[in-house]
């Protein structure tokens, strides 16, 4: 059983205890059309909520969007979601986002995230690896309100910038560090 199956099994096993459980069943059944539509809508909502994200998108070589990640945990936890890689206006591929964790945790939530790949090195790394673990490889800066205040088109020096959005549910913490992103077929 691979990491994706373990994480999805954990999410589906734990999530029924929480109101957010209804979202888990859809996470594994998205079609290419669903993912394309949901990713485009998620990006538009992100750009409306964060002018910094809209500005960064103008300089990005590619954008990896996961519109709905479901995360659940009760000592052992996991998250799973599927997303779209766009290069300009072209769909360049489909990916999943999987993580597993253990420790003091209880709850369930959903969220989305977008990773703006700023240079060819980051795009090539994603294209060439069989799975990209965030925190290994290209430098990814998670943009929060504090980081956003200091970003402009002249200060964009890192390989990738990630924005987390649309958090719903109750879970103690949220991080994309250690998340594995892998190419999938749609």
Protein backbone atom coordinates (compact mmCIF):
# COMPACT_ATOMS: atom_id res chain seq x y z
CA UNK A 1 0.00 0.00 0.00
CA UNK A 2 1.51 3.35 -1.00
CA UNK A 3 1.46 6.64 0.90
CA UNK A 4 -1.55 7.90 -1.11
CA UNK A 5 -3.66 4.91 -0.14
CA UNK A 6 -2.65 5.12 3.51
CA UNK A 7 -3.45 8.85 3.72
CA UNK A 8 -6.76 8.43 1.91
CA UNK A 9 -7.70 5.49 4.15
CA UNK A 10 -6.93 7.56 7.25
CA UNK A 11 -8.95 10.50 5.96
CA UNK A 12 -11.92 8.29 5.11
CA UNK A 13 -11.71 6.32 8.37
CA UNK A 14 -11.53 9.34 10.65
CA UNK A 15 -13.52 11.95 8.74
CA UNK A 16 -17.04 10.50 9.38
CA UNK A 17 -16.74 11.65 12.97
CA UNK A 18 -16.58 15.26 11.81
CA UNK A 19 -18.99 17.51 9.84
CA UNK A 20 -16.43 17.93 7.08
CA UNK A 21 -16.65 14.23 6.18
CA UNK A 22 -18.85 14.79 3.15
CA UNK A 23 -15.90 16.40 1.35
CA UNK A 24 -13.69 13.31 1.63
CA UNK A 25 -15.68 11.16 -0.78
CA UNK A 26 -15.32 13.69 -3.60
CA UNK A 27 -11.56 14.05 -3.15
CA UNK A 28 -10.82 10.70 -4.78
CA UNK A 29 -13.39 10.95 -7.59
CA UNK A 30 -12.52 14.17 -9.42
CA UNK A 31 -12.54 14.09 -13.20
CA UNK A 32 -10.19 16.20 -15.31
CA UNK A 33 -13.05 18.60 -16.08
CA UNK A 34 -13.92 18.90 -12.37
CA UNK A 35 -10.30 19.57 -11.46
CA UNK A 36 -9.88 22.14 -14.23
CA UNK A 37 -13.05 23.99 -13.18
CA UNK A 38 -12.33 23.82 -9.45
CA UNK A 39 -8.71 24.92 -9.88
CA UNK A 40 -9.68 27.89 -12.07
CA UNK A 41 -12.36 28.95 -9.57
CA UNK A 42 -9.97 28.53 -6.62
CA UNK A 43 -7.35 30.71 -8.32
CA UNK A 44 -9.89 33.43 -9.10
CA UNK A 45 -11.02 33.43 -5.46
CA UNK A 46 -7.40 33.52 -4.26
CA UNK A 47 -6.61 36.47 -6.55
CA UNK A 48 -9.64 38.39 -5.23
CA UNK A 49 -8.64 37.71 -1.63
CA UNK A 50 -4.90 38.27 -2.10
CA UNK A 51 -3.61 40.91 -4.53
CA UNK A 52 -0.09 39.61 -3.77
CA UNK A 53 -1.02 36.21 -5.22
CA UNK A 54 -2.41 37.89 -8.33
CA UNK A 55 0.82 39.86 -8.75
CA UNK A 56 3.03 36.80 -8.22
CA UNK A 57 1.01 34.88 -10.81
CA UNK A 58 2.09 37.39 -13.46
CA UNK A 59 5.74 36.36 -12.91
CA UNK A 60 5.25 32.60 -12.37
CA UNK A 61 6.39 30.05 -14.97
CA UNK A 62 3.70 27.61 -13.79
CA UNK A 63 1.03 27.33 -11.10
CA UNK A 64 0.13 24.14 -9.25
CA UNK A 65 -3.35 24.41 -7.72
CA UNK A 66 -4.94 22.00 -5.26
CA UNK A 67 -8.47 23.35 -4.79
CA UNK A 68 -9.56 20.86 -2.11
CA UNK A 69 -7.30 19.00 0.30
CA UNK A 70 -9.02 16.97 3.02
CA UNK A 71 -7.06 16.42 6.21
CA UNK A 72 -8.11 14.35 9.23
CA UNK A 73 -6.30 13.03 12.25
CA UNK A 74 -6.73 11.29 15.56
CA UNK A 75 -3.17 10.56 16.72
CA UNK A 76 -2.47 9.32 13.18
CA UNK A 77 -3.51 11.63 10.39
CA UNK A 78 -3.36 12.17 6.70
CA UNK A 79 -4.37 14.45 3.91
CA UNK A 80 -5.21 13.98 0.26
CA UNK A 81 -6.27 16.09 -2.68
CA UNK A 82 -5.82 16.41 -6.42
CA UNK A 83 -4.77 19.40 -8.45
CA UNK A 84 -3.83 20.93 -11.77
CA UNK A 85 -0.55 22.29 -13.11
CA UNK A 86 -0.96 25.17 -15.53
CA UNK A 87 1.70 26.80 -17.65
CA UNK A 88 0.20 30.04 -18.87
CA UNK A 89 -3.30 29.12 -20.00
CA UNK A 90 -2.36 25.51 -20.81
CA UNK A 91 -3.14 22.55 -18.56
CA UNK A 92 0.24 20.82 -18.20
CA UNK A 93 -0.70 17.92 -15.92
CA UNK A 94 -2.55 16.58 -12.93
CA UNK A 95 -1.06 15.87 -9.51
CA UNK A 96 -2.02 14.60 -6.11
CA UNK A 97 -0.97 15.95 -2.74
CA UNK A 98 -0.51 13.40 0.05
CA UNK A 99 0.77 13.65 3.58
CA UNK A 100 0.76 11.44 6.65
CA UNK A 101 1.46 12.43 10.23
CA UNK A 102 1.31 11.21 13.77
CA UNK A 103 1.34 12.89 17.13
CA UNK A 104 -1.00 14.97 19.25
CA UNK A 105 -3.77 15.76 16.76
CA UNK A 106 -7.51 15.45 16.50
CA UNK A 107 -9.89 16.92 14.01
CA UNK A 108 -10.64 17.32 10.35
CA UNK A 109 -10.48 20.16 7.90
CA UNK A 110 -10.35 21.02 4.25
CA UNK A 111 -8.28 23.66 2.54
CA UNK A 112 -6.72 24.46 -0.79
CA UNK A 113 -3.30 25.63 -1.78
CA UNK A 114 -1.54 27.03 -4.81
CA UNK A 115 2.19 26.85 -5.52
CA UNK A 116 3.58 29.46 -7.90
CA UNK A 117 6.69 28.05 -9.59
CA UNK A 118 8.82 31.09 -10.35
CA UNK A 119 11.66 29.72 -12.46
CA UNK A 120 12.49 26.96 -14.92
CA UNK A 121 14.51 25.12 -12.24
CA UNK A 122 11.37 24.61 -10.12
CA UNK A 123 9.22 23.59 -13.09
CA UNK A 124 11.85 21.14 -14.35
CA UNK A 125 12.24 19.64 -10.86
CA UNK A 126 8.49 18.96 -10.71
CA UNK A 127 8.51 17.54 -14.26
CA UNK A 128 11.52 15.25 -13.69
CA UNK A 129 10.83 13.86 -10.21
CA UNK A 130 8.51 10.97 -9.57
CA UNK A 131 7.30 12.84 -6.51
CA UNK A 132 8.23 16.17 -5.04
CA UNK A 133 8.30 16.39 -1.27
CA UNK A 134 7.78 19.98 -0.19
CA UNK A 135 10.80 20.94 1.89
CA UNK A 136 13.16 18.98 -0.38
CA UNK A 137 14.31 20.42 -3.71
CA UNK A 138 13.27 23.92 -4.79
CA UNK A 139 12.79 26.49 -2.04
CA UNK A 140 9.11 27.01 -1.25
CA UNK A 141 8.01 30.03 0.79
CA UNK A 142 4.56 29.73 2.37
CA UNK A 143 3.05 33.19 2.10
CA UNK A 144 1.13 34.43 5.11
CA UNK A 145 0.12 38.01 5.91
CA UNK A 146 3.56 38.87 7.31
CA UNK A 147 5.46 37.54 4.28
CA UNK A 148 2.96 39.12 1.87
CA UNK A 149 3.68 42.62 3.23
CA UNK A 150 7.30 42.34 2.11
CA UNK A 151 6.75 40.82 -1.35
CA UNK A 152 6.81 42.72 -4.59
CA UNK A 153 7.82 41.93 -8.15
CA UNK A 154 11.36 43.10 -7.31
CA UNK A 155 11.72 40.92 -4.19
CA UNK A 156 10.63 37.61 -5.74
CA UNK A 157 13.85 35.61 -5.39
CA UNK A 158 12.72 32.15 -4.26
CA UNK A 159 11.89 29.14 -6.46
CA UNK A 160 8.24 28.88 -5.40
CA UNK A 161 5.61 30.63 -3.32
CA UNK A 162 2.67 28.79 -1.76
CA UNK A 163 -0.65 30.23 -0.60
CA UNK A 164 -3.04 28.25 1.61
CA UNK A 165 -6.69 29.24 1.28
CA UNK A 166 -10.31 28.31 2.11
CA UNK A 167 -9.59 26.62 5.43
CA UNK A 168 -12.69 24.96 6.92
CA UNK A 169 -13.08 22.65 9.88
CA UNK A 170 -11.17 22.17 13.10
CA UNK A 171 -7.58 20.95 13.23
CA UNK A 172 -4.79 22.14 15.47
CA UNK A 173 -2.28 23.18 12.81
CA UNK A 174 -1.78 23.38 9.08
CA UNK A 175 1.42 22.93 7.12
CA UNK A 176 2.37 21.73 3.67
CA UNK A 177 5.93 20.85 4.76
CA UNK A 178 6.51 17.15 4.11
CA UNK A 179 3.66 16.92 1.61
CA UNK A 180 4.44 14.72 -1.37
CA UNK A 181 3.24 15.86 -4.77
CA UNK A 182 3.08 13.21 -7.50
CA UNK A 183 1.94 13.19 -11.11
CA UNK A 184 -1.33 11.35 -11.80
CA UNK A 185 -3.19 10.50 -15.00
CA UNK A 186 -6.58 11.99 -15.79
